Amino acid sequence: MVIDDEGTQLGEMNTSDALNMAREKELDLVEVSPKAQPPVCRIMDYGKHQYKQSKQQRLAKAKQKTVETKGIRMGLRTDSHDLEIKKTAAEKFLRKGNKVKIDIILKGREKAHQDLARENIKKFVANIECPYKMEEEIKRFPGGFNVILAPETEQPSEQQSE
């Protein structure tokens, strides 16, 4: 089955006839669907086709939004002013559309006070005023606890400005 460069079907024909027809038009004979019965071939400029495909892939890649995971680390004894600064940083990351991983690190004998660490991280997350959703709940890891926050779904005000 052969399709010419304008998109009209020429019907079933011999491979050598299709190749001769493509050579007359100074184009290529490209097998589009080899598993079809009969196989479908198209007369086209293959170099131009490859260029268009790579251009589409580059545009799609450029439009993809990459989401980074930013980290905020704090200790069990981190002062309230430092927590306020870390809170504003977390809100800034969430507004920019990044995920935020908040770690509370326990050192030495602090590891005996896991309930305090869990409470501190809950208070910290509750103080964040920017809209967010918990992607992962508070989890224990060998050095302490962590939680991952993601920004709330896309706000319409940001989409209109783009």
N, C-alpha and C. Protein backbone atom coordinates (compact mmCIF):
# COMPACT_ATOMS: atom_id res chain seq x y z
N MET A 1 0.86 -1.17 0.00
CA MET A 1 0.00 0.00 0.00
C MET A 1 0.90 1.24 0.00
N VAL A 2 0.72 2.14 -0.92
CA VAL A 2 1.58 3.30 -1.06
C VAL A 2 0.75 4.59 -0.94
N ILE A 3 1.29 5.55 -0.20
CA ILE A 3 0.68 6.88 -0.05
C ILE A 3 1.69 7.88 -0.61
N ASP A 4 1.24 8.80 -1.46
CA ASP A 4 2.20 9.74 -2.05
C ASP A 4 2.44 10.94 -1.13
N ASP A 5 3.27 11.89 -1.59
CA ASP A 5 3.70 13.00 -0.74
C ASP A 5 2.57 13.98 -0.41
N GLU A 6 1.47 13.99 -1.19
CA GLU A 6 0.32 14.86 -0.87
C GLU A 6 -0.64 14.18 0.10
N GLY A 7 -0.49 12.88 0.33
CA GLY A 7 -1.36 12.15 1.25
C GLY A 7 -2.44 11.34 0.57
N THR A 8 -2.43 11.28 -0.75
CA THR A 8 -3.44 10.47 -1.45
C THR A 8 -2.94 9.04 -1.59
N GLN A 9 -3.87 8.11 -1.45
CA GLN A 9 -3.50 6.69 -1.53
C GLN A 9 -3.40 6.27 -3.00
N LEU A 10 -2.28 5.65 -3.32
CA LEU A 10 -2.04 5.17 -4.68
C LEU A 10 -2.41 3.70 -4.82
N GLY A 11 -2.72 3.03 -3.70
CA GLY A 11 -3.12 1.63 -3.73
C GLY A 11 -1.93 0.71 -3.59
N GLU A 12 -2.20 -0.58 -3.77
CA GLU A 12 -1.14 -1.58 -3.65
C GLU A 12 -0.31 -1.57 -4.93
N MET A 13 1.02 -1.66 -4.73
CA MET A 13 1.91 -1.75 -5.89
C MET A 13 3.20 -2.45 -5.50
N ASN A 14 3.94 -2.82 -6.47
CA ASN A 14 5.20 -3.52 -6.31
C ASN A 14 6.22 -2.58 -5.66
N THR A 15 7.13 -3.12 -4.86
CA THR A 15 8.13 -2.31 -4.17
C THR A 15 9.01 -1.56 -5.17
N SER A 16 9.42 -2.23 -6.23
CA SER A 16 10.30 -1.57 -7.20
C SER A 16 9.58 -0.42 -7.91
N ASP A 17 8.28 -0.59 -8.20
CA ASP A 17 7.52 0.50 -8.83
C ASP A 17 7.41 1.69 -7.89
N ALA A 18 7.16 1.42 -6.59
CA ALA A 18 7.04 2.49 -5.60
C ALA A 18 8.37 3.23 -5.45
N LEU A 19 9.49 2.47 -5.45
CA LEU A 19 10.81 3.10 -5.35
C LEU A 19 11.09 3.98 -6.57
N ASN A 20 10.76 3.50 -7.75
CA ASN A 20 10.96 4.29 -8.97
C ASN A 20 10.14 5.58 -8.92
N MET A 21 8.89 5.47 -8.43
CA MET A 21 8.03 6.64 -8.33
C MET A 21 8.63 7.68 -7.36
N ALA A 22 9.19 7.20 -6.24
CA ALA A 22 9.81 8.08 -5.26
C ALA A 22 11.06 8.75 -5.84
N ARG A 23 11.85 7.99 -6.59
CA ARG A 23 13.07 8.54 -7.19
C ARG A 23 12.73 9.62 -8.23
N GLU A 24 11.63 9.42 -8.97
CA GLU A 24 11.23 10.42 -9.96
C GLU A 24 10.92 11.76 -9.29
N LYS A 25 10.31 11.69 -8.11
CA LYS A 25 9.97 12.92 -7.38
C LYS A 25 11.11 13.39 -6.49
N GLU A 26 12.25 12.68 -6.53
CA GLU A 26 13.44 12.97 -5.71
C GLU A 26 13.10 12.96 -4.21
N LEU A 27 12.31 11.95 -3.82
CA LEU A 27 11.93 11.76 -2.41
C LEU A 27 12.28 10.35 -1.99
N ASP A 28 11.96 10.00 -0.74
CA ASP A 28 12.28 8.69 -0.19
C ASP A 28 11.00 7.87 -0.03
N LEU A 29 11.14 6.55 -0.08
CA LEU A 29 10.04 5.63 0.19
C LEU A 29 10.24 5.12 1.61
N VAL A 30 9.33 5.47 2.51
CA VAL A 30 9.48 5.14 3.93
C VAL A 30 8.37 4.19 4.33
N GLU A 31 8.75 3.08 4.99
CA GLU A 31 7.77 2.12 5.48
C GLU A 31 7.18 2.67 6.77
N VAL A 32 5.90 3.03 6.74
CA VAL A 32 5.24 3.67 7.87
C VAL A 32 4.68 2.64 8.84
N SER A 33 4.02 1.62 8.31
CA SER A 33 3.39 0.61 9.15
C SER A 33 3.75 -0.78 8.62
N PRO A 34 4.85 -1.35 9.12
CA PRO A 34 5.30 -2.63 8.57
C PRO A 34 4.43 -3.82 8.96
N LYS A 35 3.67 -3.73 10.05
CA LYS A 35 2.88 -4.87 10.52
C LYS A 35 1.50 -4.94 9.88
N ALA A 36 1.11 -3.90 9.15
CA ALA A 36 -0.19 -3.90 8.49
C ALA A 36 -0.16 -4.88 7.32
N GLN A 37 -1.34 -5.34 6.91
CA GLN A 37 -1.45 -6.24 5.76
C GLN A 37 -2.21 -5.51 4.68
N PRO A 38 -1.66 -5.14 3.58
CA PRO A 38 -0.24 -5.12 3.21
C PRO A 38 0.49 -3.98 3.93
N PRO A 39 1.83 -4.05 4.03
CA PRO A 39 2.59 -2.99 4.70
C PRO A 39 2.35 -1.63 4.01
N VAL A 40 2.28 -0.58 4.83
CA VAL A 40 1.99 0.76 4.31
C VAL A 40 3.31 1.53 4.17
N CYS A 41 3.53 2.11 2.98
CA CYS A 41 4.72 2.91 2.70
C CYS A 41 4.27 4.30 2.26
N ARG A 42 5.13 5.27 2.52
CA ARG A 42 4.79 6.66 2.17
C ARG A 42 5.96 7.28 1.41
N ILE A 43 5.64 8.04 0.40
CA ILE A 43 6.67 8.77 -0.35
C ILE A 43 6.79 10.13 0.34
N MET A 44 7.99 10.42 0.87
CA MET A 44 8.20 11.68 1.61
C MET A 44 9.68 12.03 1.62
N ASP A 45 9.97 13.26 2.04
CA ASP A 45 11.34 13.68 2.26
C ASP A 45 11.70 13.28 3.69
N TYR A 46 12.46 12.20 3.84
CA TYR A 46 12.71 11.63 5.16
C TYR A 46 13.54 12.56 6.04
N GLY A 47 14.49 13.28 5.46
CA GLY A 47 15.30 14.23 6.23
C GLY A 47 14.44 15.33 6.85
N LYS A 48 13.50 15.84 6.05
CA LYS A 48 12.58 16.86 6.53
C LYS A 48 11.70 16.31 7.65
N HIS A 49 11.26 15.07 7.48
CA HIS A 49 10.42 14.40 8.48
C HIS A 49 11.18 14.26 9.81
N GLN A 50 12.44 13.83 9.73
CA GLN A 50 13.25 13.68 10.95
C GLN A 50 13.46 15.03 11.63
N TYR A 51 13.69 16.07 10.85
CA TYR A 51 13.90 17.41 11.40
C TYR A 51 12.65 17.88 12.15
N LYS A 52 11.47 17.68 11.55
CA LYS A 52 10.22 18.10 12.20
C LYS A 52 10.00 17.34 13.51
N GLN A 53 10.31 16.04 13.50
CA GLN A 53 10.14 15.25 14.73
C GLN A 53 11.07 15.74 15.82
N SER A 54 12.34 16.00 15.50
CA SER A 54 13.28 16.46 16.52
C SER A 54 12.88 17.84 17.04
N LYS A 55 12.34 18.69 16.16
CA LYS A 55 11.89 20.01 16.58
C LYS A 55 10.71 19.89 17.55
N GLN A 56 9.78 18.98 17.26
CA GLN A 56 8.64 18.76 18.16
C GLN A 56 9.11 18.25 19.51
N GLN A 57 10.09 17.34 19.51
CA GLN A 57 10.61 16.81 20.77
C GLN A 57 11.30 17.90 21.59
N ARG A 58 12.06 18.78 20.92
CA ARG A 58 12.71 19.88 21.63
C ARG A 58 11.68 20.82 22.25
N LEU A 59 10.62 21.13 21.50
CA LEU A 59 9.57 22.01 22.02
C LEU A 59 8.86 21.37 23.21
N ALA A 60 8.58 20.07 23.11
CA ALA A 60 7.92 19.37 24.22
C ALA A 60 8.81 19.37 25.45
N LYS A 61 10.10 19.18 25.24
CA LYS A 61 11.03 19.16 26.37
C LYS A 61 11.14 20.54 27.01
N ALA A 62 11.10 21.59 26.20
CA ALA A 62 11.19 22.94 26.72
C ALA A 62 9.95 23.31 27.53
N LYS A 63 8.80 22.77 27.15
CA LYS A 63 7.56 23.10 27.85
C LYS A 63 7.36 22.28 29.12
N GLN A 64 8.16 21.23 29.31
CA GLN A 64 8.02 20.43 30.51
C GLN A 64 8.42 21.25 31.73
N LYS A 65 7.68 21.07 32.79
CA LYS A 65 8.02 21.77 34.03
C LYS A 65 8.72 20.79 34.95
N THR A 66 9.95 21.11 35.31
CA THR A 66 10.68 20.24 36.23
C THR A 66 10.40 20.68 37.65
N VAL A 67 10.10 19.71 38.49
CA VAL A 67 9.80 20.00 39.88
C VAL A 67 10.98 19.53 40.72
N GLU A 68 11.59 20.47 41.41
CA GLU A 68 12.70 20.13 42.28
C GLU A 68 12.19 19.87 43.69
N THR A 69 12.95 19.09 44.44
CA THR A 69 12.64 18.90 45.84
C THR A 69 13.67 19.67 46.64
N LYS A 70 13.22 20.71 47.32
CA LYS A 70 14.10 21.53 48.15
C LYS A 70 14.09 20.97 49.56
N GLY A 71 15.20 21.09 50.24
CA GLY A 71 15.30 20.53 51.58
C GLY A 71 15.44 21.59 52.66
N ILE A 72 14.78 21.35 53.77
CA ILE A 72 14.91 22.21 54.94
C ILE A 72 15.23 21.30 56.12
N ARG A 73 16.36 21.57 56.79
CA ARG A 73 16.78 20.75 57.92
C ARG A 73 16.71 21.58 59.19
N MET A 74 16.22 20.93 60.24
CA MET A 74 16.20 21.58 61.54
C MET A 74 16.48 20.55 62.61
N GLY A 75 16.83 21.04 63.77
CA GLY A 75 17.12 20.16 64.89
C GLY A 75 16.01 20.24 65.92
N LEU A 76 16.14 19.42 66.95
CA LEU A 76 15.14 19.42 68.01
C LEU A 76 15.19 20.72 68.80
N ARG A 77 16.38 21.32 68.90
CA ARG A 77 16.56 22.53 69.70
C ARG A 77 16.67 23.80 68.86
N THR A 78 16.22 23.77 67.60
CA THR A 78 16.30 24.94 66.74
C THR A 78 15.43 26.06 67.33
N ASP A 79 15.99 27.26 67.39
CA ASP A 79 15.33 28.40 68.01
C ASP A 79 14.13 28.88 67.18
N SER A 80 13.20 29.58 67.82
CA SER A 80 11.97 30.00 67.15
C SER A 80 12.24 30.96 65.99
N HIS A 81 13.24 31.86 66.15
CA HIS A 81 13.56 32.79 65.07
C HIS A 81 14.09 32.05 63.85
N ASP A 82 14.94 31.05 64.08
CA ASP A 82 15.47 30.24 62.98
C ASP A 82 14.34 29.48 62.30
N LEU A 83 13.38 28.98 63.09
CA LEU A 83 12.25 28.26 62.52
C LEU A 83 11.40 29.20 61.65
N GLU A 84 11.29 30.45 62.07
CA GLU A 84 10.54 31.44 61.29
C GLU A 84 11.20 31.66 59.93
N ILE A 85 12.52 31.76 59.92
CA ILE A 85 13.27 31.95 58.67
C ILE A 85 13.10 30.72 57.77
N LYS A 86 13.18 29.54 58.37
CA LYS A 86 13.01 28.30 57.60
C LYS A 86 11.59 28.19 57.06
N LYS A 87 10.61 28.69 57.82
CA LYS A 87 9.22 28.66 57.38
C LYS A 87 9.03 29.55 56.15
N THR A 88 9.62 30.76 56.17
CA THR A 88 9.49 31.65 55.01
C THR A 88 10.18 31.05 53.78
N ALA A 89 11.30 30.36 54.01
CA ALA A 89 11.99 29.70 52.89
C ALA A 89 11.11 28.60 52.31
N ALA A 90 10.47 27.81 53.18
CA ALA A 90 9.59 26.73 52.72
C ALA A 90 8.42 27.30 51.92
N GLU A 91 7.85 28.40 52.41
CA GLU A 91 6.73 29.03 51.70
C GLU A 91 7.18 29.54 50.33
N LYS A 92 8.39 30.11 50.27
CA LYS A 92 8.92 30.60 48.99
C LYS A 92 9.09 29.44 48.01
N PHE A 93 9.62 28.31 48.49
CA PHE A 93 9.80 27.15 47.62
C PHE A 93 8.45 26.64 47.10
N LEU A 94 7.46 26.57 47.98
CA LEU A 94 6.14 26.08 47.60
C LEU A 94 5.48 27.02 46.58
N ARG A 95 5.63 28.34 46.76
CA ARG A 95 5.05 29.28 45.81
C ARG A 95 5.69 29.16 44.43
N LYS A 96 6.99 28.82 44.40
CA LYS A 96 7.67 28.66 43.12
C LYS A 96 7.30 27.35 42.44
N GLY A 97 6.57 26.46 43.16
CA GLY A 97 6.14 25.20 42.56
C GLY A 97 7.04 24.04 42.87
N ASN A 98 7.99 24.19 43.79
CA ASN A 98 8.88 23.10 44.17
C ASN A 98 8.31 22.34 45.36
N LYS A 99 8.70 21.07 45.44
CA LYS A 99 8.35 20.29 46.62
C LYS A 99 9.34 20.64 47.73
N VAL A 100 8.92 20.43 48.97
CA VAL A 100 9.78 20.74 50.11
C VAL A 100 9.87 19.50 51.00
N LYS A 101 11.10 19.09 51.27
CA LYS A 101 11.34 17.98 52.19
C LYS A 101 11.86 18.58 53.49
N ILE A 102 11.12 18.39 54.56
CA ILE A 102 11.49 18.96 55.84
C ILE A 102 12.03 17.83 56.72
N ASP A 103 13.28 17.97 57.15
CA ASP A 103 13.94 16.97 57.99
C ASP A 103 14.14 17.55 59.38
N ILE A 104 13.92 16.73 60.38
CA ILE A 104 14.32 17.09 61.73
C ILE A 104 15.36 16.06 62.14
N ILE A 105 16.55 16.54 62.44
CA ILE A 105 17.69 15.68 62.72
C ILE A 105 17.83 15.51 64.23
N LEU A 106 17.95 14.28 64.66
CA LEU A 106 18.13 13.97 66.08
C LEU A 106 19.56 13.51 66.30
N LYS A 107 20.22 14.11 67.30
CA LYS A 107 21.62 13.78 67.58
C LYS A 107 21.73 13.21 68.99
N GLY A 108 22.53 12.19 69.12
CA GLY A 108 22.85 11.65 70.45
C GLY A 108 21.63 11.25 71.25
N ARG A 109 21.52 11.86 72.44
CA ARG A 109 20.44 11.51 73.36
C ARG A 109 19.08 12.06 72.92
N GLU A 110 19.09 12.96 71.93
CA GLU A 110 17.82 13.48 71.41
C GLU A 110 16.99 12.35 70.80
N LYS A 111 17.64 11.28 70.38
CA LYS A 111 16.94 10.17 69.75
C LYS A 111 15.96 9.49 70.69
N ALA A 112 16.11 9.72 71.98
CA ALA A 112 15.19 9.16 72.96
C ALA A 112 13.87 9.94 72.99
N HIS A 113 13.85 11.15 72.44
CA HIS A 113 12.66 12.01 72.48
C HIS A 113 12.00 12.11 71.10
N GLN A 114 11.65 10.96 70.56
CA GLN A 114 11.05 10.94 69.23
C GLN A 114 9.68 11.61 69.22
N ASP A 115 8.95 11.52 70.32
CA ASP A 115 7.64 12.14 70.38
C ASP A 115 7.75 13.67 70.27
N LEU A 116 8.77 14.26 70.91
CA LEU A 116 8.99 15.71 70.81
C LEU A 116 9.34 16.11 69.37
N ALA A 117 10.17 15.30 68.73
CA ALA A 117 10.58 15.60 67.35
C ALA A 117 9.36 15.56 66.43
N ARG A 118 8.52 14.56 66.60
CA ARG A 118 7.31 14.44 65.78
C ARG A 118 6.39 15.66 66.00
N GLU A 119 6.26 16.09 67.27
CA GLU A 119 5.45 17.27 67.59
C GLU A 119 6.03 18.53 66.95
N ASN A 120 7.36 18.69 67.04
CA ASN A 120 8.00 19.88 66.44
C ASN A 120 7.76 19.96 64.94
N ILE A 121 7.88 18.84 64.27
CA ILE A 121 7.70 18.85 62.82
C ILE A 121 6.23 19.11 62.48
N LYS A 122 5.30 18.60 63.30
CA LYS A 122 3.87 18.88 63.07
C LYS A 122 3.58 20.36 63.26
N LYS A 123 4.15 20.99 64.29
CA LYS A 123 3.95 22.42 64.54
C LYS A 123 4.51 23.24 63.38
N PHE A 124 5.71 22.87 62.94
CA PHE A 124 6.36 23.60 61.84
C PHE A 124 5.48 23.56 60.59
N VAL A 125 4.98 22.37 60.25
CA VAL A 125 4.15 22.22 59.06
C VAL A 125 2.83 22.98 59.22
N ALA A 126 2.27 22.96 60.43
CA ALA A 126 1.01 23.67 60.67
C ALA A 126 1.18 25.18 60.54
N ASN A 127 2.37 25.72 60.82
CA ASN A 127 2.62 27.16 60.73
C ASN A 127 2.76 27.66 59.30
N ILE A 128 2.98 26.76 58.35
CA ILE A 128 3.16 27.18 56.96
C ILE A 128 1.81 27.69 56.43
N GLU A 129 1.80 28.93 55.96
CA GLU A 129 0.56 29.58 55.54
C GLU A 129 0.26 29.39 54.06
N CYS A 130 1.27 29.09 53.27
CA CYS A 130 1.11 28.89 51.83
C CYS A 130 0.31 27.60 51.60
N PRO A 131 -0.59 27.55 50.58
CA PRO A 131 -1.35 26.31 50.35
C PRO A 131 -0.43 25.17 49.93
N TYR A 132 -0.59 24.03 50.57
CA TYR A 132 0.24 22.86 50.28
C TYR A 132 -0.58 21.61 50.55
N LYS A 133 -0.03 20.49 50.09
CA LYS A 133 -0.60 19.19 50.44
C LYS A 133 0.55 18.29 50.86
N MET A 134 0.28 17.40 51.79
CA MET A 134 1.32 16.48 52.25
C MET A 134 1.43 15.35 51.24
N GLU A 135 2.58 15.28 50.59
CA GLU A 135 2.79 14.21 49.63
C GLU A 135 3.12 12.92 50.36
N GLU A 136 3.90 13.04 51.40
CA GLU A 136 4.22 11.89 52.26
C GLU A 136 4.02 12.33 53.70
N GLU A 137 3.46 11.46 54.50
CA GLU A 137 3.25 11.75 55.92
C GLU A 137 4.60 11.79 56.64
N ILE A 138 4.56 12.16 57.91
CA ILE A 138 5.79 12.20 58.71
C ILE A 138 6.31 10.78 58.86
N LYS A 139 7.57 10.59 58.44
CA LYS A 139 8.17 9.26 58.47
C LYS A 139 9.45 9.28 59.29
N ARG A 140 9.73 8.18 59.91
CA ARG A 140 10.96 7.99 60.68
C ARG A 140 12.05 7.55 59.72
N PHE A 141 13.22 8.11 59.85
CA PHE A 141 14.40 7.61 59.15
C PHE A 141 15.53 7.57 60.17
N PRO A 142 16.65 6.92 59.88
CA PRO A 142 17.67 6.68 60.90
C PRO A 142 18.14 7.92 61.65
N GLY A 143 18.17 9.09 61.02
CA GLY A 143 18.66 10.28 61.71
C GLY A 143 17.58 11.13 62.35
N GLY A 144 16.32 10.79 62.16
CA GLY A 144 15.24 11.58 62.71
C GLY A 144 13.94 11.35 61.98
N PHE A 145 13.25 12.44 61.61
CA PHE A 145 11.97 12.36 60.91
C PHE A 145 11.99 13.29 59.72
N ASN A 146 11.14 12.96 58.73
CA ASN A 146 10.99 13.87 57.60
C ASN A 146 9.57 13.82 57.07
N VAL A 147 9.21 14.84 56.31
CA VAL A 147 7.91 14.95 55.67
C VAL A 147 8.12 15.66 54.34
N ILE A 148 7.33 15.30 53.33
CA ILE A 148 7.44 15.95 52.02
C ILE A 148 6.14 16.68 51.74
N LEU A 149 6.27 17.98 51.45
CA LEU A 149 5.12 18.81 51.11
C LEU A 149 5.21 19.17 49.64
N ALA A 150 4.06 19.19 48.98
CA ALA A 150 4.00 19.59 47.58
C ALA A 150 3.08 20.80 47.49
N PRO A 151 3.32 21.69 46.53
CA PRO A 151 2.43 22.84 46.38
C PRO A 151 1.03 22.36 46.00
N GLU A 152 0.04 23.12 46.42
CA GLU A 152 -1.34 22.81 46.05
C GLU A 152 -1.41 22.87 44.53
N THR A 153 -2.37 22.17 43.92
CA THR A 153 -2.46 22.13 42.46
C THR A 153 -2.39 23.53 41.89
N GLU A 154 -1.99 23.60 40.62
CA GLU A 154 -1.72 24.87 39.94
C GLU A 154 -2.80 25.90 40.21
N GLN A 155 -2.38 27.09 40.62
CA GLN A 155 -3.33 28.17 40.82
C GLN A 155 -3.64 28.80 39.46
N PRO A 156 -4.91 29.12 39.19
CA PRO A 156 -5.27 29.70 37.90
C PRO A 156 -4.61 31.04 37.63
N SER A 157 -4.28 31.82 38.67
CA SER A 157 -3.65 33.13 38.47
C SER A 157 -2.27 32.99 37.83
N GLU A 158 -1.53 31.92 38.16
CA GLU A 158 -0.21 31.71 37.57
C GLU A 158 -0.33 31.30 36.10
N GLN A 159 -1.36 30.50 35.77
CA GLN A 159 -1.50 30.02 34.41
C GLN A 159 -1.89 31.16 33.47
N GLN A 160 -2.69 32.11 33.94
CA GLN A 160 -3.11 33.21 33.09
C GLN A 160 -1.96 34.14 32.76
N SER A 161 -1.01 34.31 33.67
CA SER A 161 0.10 35.21 33.42
C SER A 161 1.09 34.66 32.42
N GLU A 162 1.12 33.34 32.22
CA GLU A 162 2.07 32.75 31.28
C GLU A 162 1.63 32.83 29.87
